[in-house]
Every structure is written in structure tokens, then in C-alpha cells.
Amino acid sequence: MRYVLTSGAAQTAADGASVIAGLVASGGPIVVAAGAVRPHGLVDLVESTGRARGPHALSARGPESRRAPAHR
């Protein structure tokens, strides 16, 4: 396993930041933060998690990204 997509077992990545930081510090798989990650909180999230990769692309775009893409 090369990547782990996680919110740190919380509703949001910000709420699970301490768990995400522990995963990053373990030196295991690459950790990608996900769960209500928004541009305005991205710097704080990356700094508080010890450089977790992120955000997951769908999380960064908002609720409309959860819809199926339109076929043209």
C-alpha cells in the first residue's frame, strides 16, 4: 500500500489532524488528507499534520464535485 486517504477517523481532516500527524510520523504509506479540506484551511492543515499530502481533489472542490460528471 503506497497511499492512505483519511480524515483521521473524524468528520473533517482538520478535526482528525492529530491522528493524521501520527500516521505521517510513522513513516508508513503516503498520507493524503481528506474530509472537508478547503483552500482557506489548507496551510494550517498541512502544517498541523506534519506535511500530509492533500487535499484529496474531490474534497477541495466542494459538494458539487460529488455529482457524476456529465457526458458530452
C-alpha atoms as a PDB file:
ATOM      1  CA  MET A   1       0.000   0.000   0.000  1.00  0.00           C
ATOM      2  CA  ARG A   2       1.532   3.311  -1.087  1.00  0.00           C
ATOM      3  CA  TYR A   3      -1.178   5.804  -0.119  1.00  0.00           C
ATOM      4  CA  VAL A   4      -3.741   6.233   2.653  1.00  0.00           C
ATOM      5  CA  LEU A   5      -6.697   8.580   2.096  1.00  0.00           C
ATOM      6  CA  THR A   6      -8.001   9.626   5.522  1.00  0.00           C
ATOM      7  CA  SER A   7      -9.732  12.224   7.625  1.00  0.00           C
ATOM      8  CA  GLY A   8      -8.055  10.794  10.715  1.00  0.00           C
ATOM      9  CA  ALA A   9     -11.280   8.953  11.691  1.00  0.00           C
ATOM     10  CA  ALA A  10     -13.051  12.291  12.161  1.00  0.00           C
ATOM     11  CA  GLN A  11     -15.761  14.190  10.299  1.00  0.00           C
ATOM     12  CA  THR A  12     -13.134  16.515   8.826  1.00  0.00           C
ATOM     13  CA  ALA A  13      -9.396  16.359   8.229  1.00  0.00           C
ATOM     14  CA  ALA A  14      -8.956  19.386  10.492  1.00  0.00           C
ATOM     15  CA  ASP A  15     -10.686  17.532  13.351  1.00  0.00           C
ATOM     16  CA  GLY A  16      -8.537  14.464  12.720  1.00  0.00           C
ATOM     17  CA  ALA A  17      -5.268  16.366  12.293  1.00  0.00           C
ATOM     18  CA  SER A  18      -3.571  14.769  15.304  1.00  0.00           C
ATOM     19  CA  VAL A  19      -4.316  11.257  14.014  1.00  0.00           C
ATOM     20  CA  ILE A  20      -3.135  12.240  10.525  1.00  0.00           C
ATOM     21  CA  ALA A  21       0.057  13.659  12.044  1.00  0.00           C
ATOM     22  CA  GLY A  22       0.682  10.341  13.788  1.00  0.00           C
ATOM     23  CA  LEU A  23       0.286   8.463  10.508  1.00  0.00           C
ATOM     24  CA  VAL A  24       2.697  10.839   8.766  1.00  0.00           C
ATOM     25  CA  ALA A  25       5.243  10.475  11.591  1.00  0.00           C
ATOM     26  CA  SER A  26       5.067   6.671  11.439  1.00  0.00           C
ATOM     27  CA  GLY A  27       6.888   6.719   8.112  1.00  0.00           C
ATOM     28  CA  GLY A  28       4.404   4.314   6.562  1.00  0.00           C
ATOM     29  CA  PRO A  29       2.366   4.935   3.415  1.00  0.00           C
ATOM     30  CA  ILE A  30       1.964   8.416   1.967  1.00  0.00           C
ATOM     31  CA  VAL A  31      -0.932  10.078   3.791  1.00  0.00           C
ATOM     32  CA  VAL A  32      -3.444  12.124   1.795  1.00  0.00           C
ATOM     33  CA  ALA A  33      -5.675  14.301   3.963  1.00  0.00           C
ATOM     34  CA  ALA A  34      -9.354  14.222   3.018  1.00  0.00           C
ATOM     35  CA  GLY A  35     -12.594  15.390   4.568  1.00  0.00           C
ATOM     36  CA  ALA A  36     -13.902  18.938   4.128  1.00  0.00           C
ATOM     37  CA  VAL A  37     -10.494  20.306   3.152  1.00  0.00           C
ATOM     38  CA  ARG A  38     -10.939  23.828   1.839  1.00  0.00           C
ATOM     39  CA  PRO A  39      -8.407  26.253   0.360  1.00  0.00           C
ATOM     40  CA  HIS A  40      -8.642  28.671   3.303  1.00  0.00           C
ATOM     41  CA  GLY A  41      -7.570  25.971   5.786  1.00  0.00           C
ATOM     42  CA  LEU A  42      -5.048  24.111   3.677  1.00  0.00           C
ATOM     43  CA  VAL A  43      -1.863  25.722   5.012  1.00  0.00           C
ATOM     44  CA  ASP A  44      -2.886  25.127   8.631  1.00  0.00           C
ATOM     45  CA  LEU A  45      -3.840  21.529   7.860  1.00  0.00           C
ATOM     46  CA  VAL A  46      -0.545  20.720   6.146  1.00  0.00           C
ATOM     47  CA  GLU A  47       1.451  22.331   8.949  1.00  0.00           C
ATOM     48  CA  SER A  48      -0.541  20.629  11.731  1.00  0.00           C
ATOM     49  CA  THR A  49      -0.274  17.177  10.171  1.00  0.00           C
ATOM     50  CA  GLY A  50       3.450  17.115   9.557  1.00  0.00           C
ATOM     51  CA  ARG A  51       3.276  17.596   5.813  1.00  0.00           C
ATOM     52  CA  ALA A  52       0.455  15.243   4.911  1.00  0.00           C
ATOM     53  CA  ARG A  53      -0.243  15.267   1.218  1.00  0.00           C
ATOM     54  CA  GLY A  54      -3.512  16.748   0.286  1.00  0.00           C
ATOM     55  CA  PRO A  55      -6.082  17.717  -0.151  1.00  0.00           C
ATOM     56  CA  HIS A  56      -7.903  14.994  -1.935  1.00  0.00           C
ATOM     57  CA  ALA A  57      -9.227  16.661  -5.114  1.00  0.00           C
ATOM     58  CA  LEU A  58     -12.908  15.980  -4.509  1.00  0.00           C
ATOM     59  CA  SER A  59     -12.687  17.416  -1.010  1.00  0.00           C
ATOM     60  CA  ALA A  60     -11.197  20.642  -2.313  1.00  0.00           C
ATOM     61  CA  ARG A  61     -13.917  21.338  -4.861  1.00  0.00           C
ATOM     62  CA  GLY A  62     -16.961  21.155  -2.621  1.00  0.00           C
ATOM     63  CA  PRO A  63     -20.249  19.259  -2.610  1.00  0.00           C
ATOM     64  CA  GLU A  64     -20.969  19.755  -6.301  1.00  0.00           C
ATOM     65  CA  SER A  65     -17.993  17.533  -7.123  1.00  0.00           C
ATOM     66  CA  ARG A  66     -19.849  14.521  -5.738  1.00  0.00           C
ATOM     67  CA  ARG A  67     -22.212  14.512  -8.693  1.00  0.00           C
ATOM     68  CA  ALA A  68     -21.490  12.217 -11.586  1.00  0.00           C
ATOM     69  CA  PRO A  69     -19.733  14.035 -14.427  1.00  0.00           C
ATOM     70  CA  ALA A  70     -21.882  14.954 -17.396  1.00  0.00           C
ATOM     71  CA  HIS A  71     -21.078  13.119 -20.600  1.00  0.00           C
ATOM     72  CA  ARG A  72     -20.739  15.320 -23.636  1.00  0.00           C
END
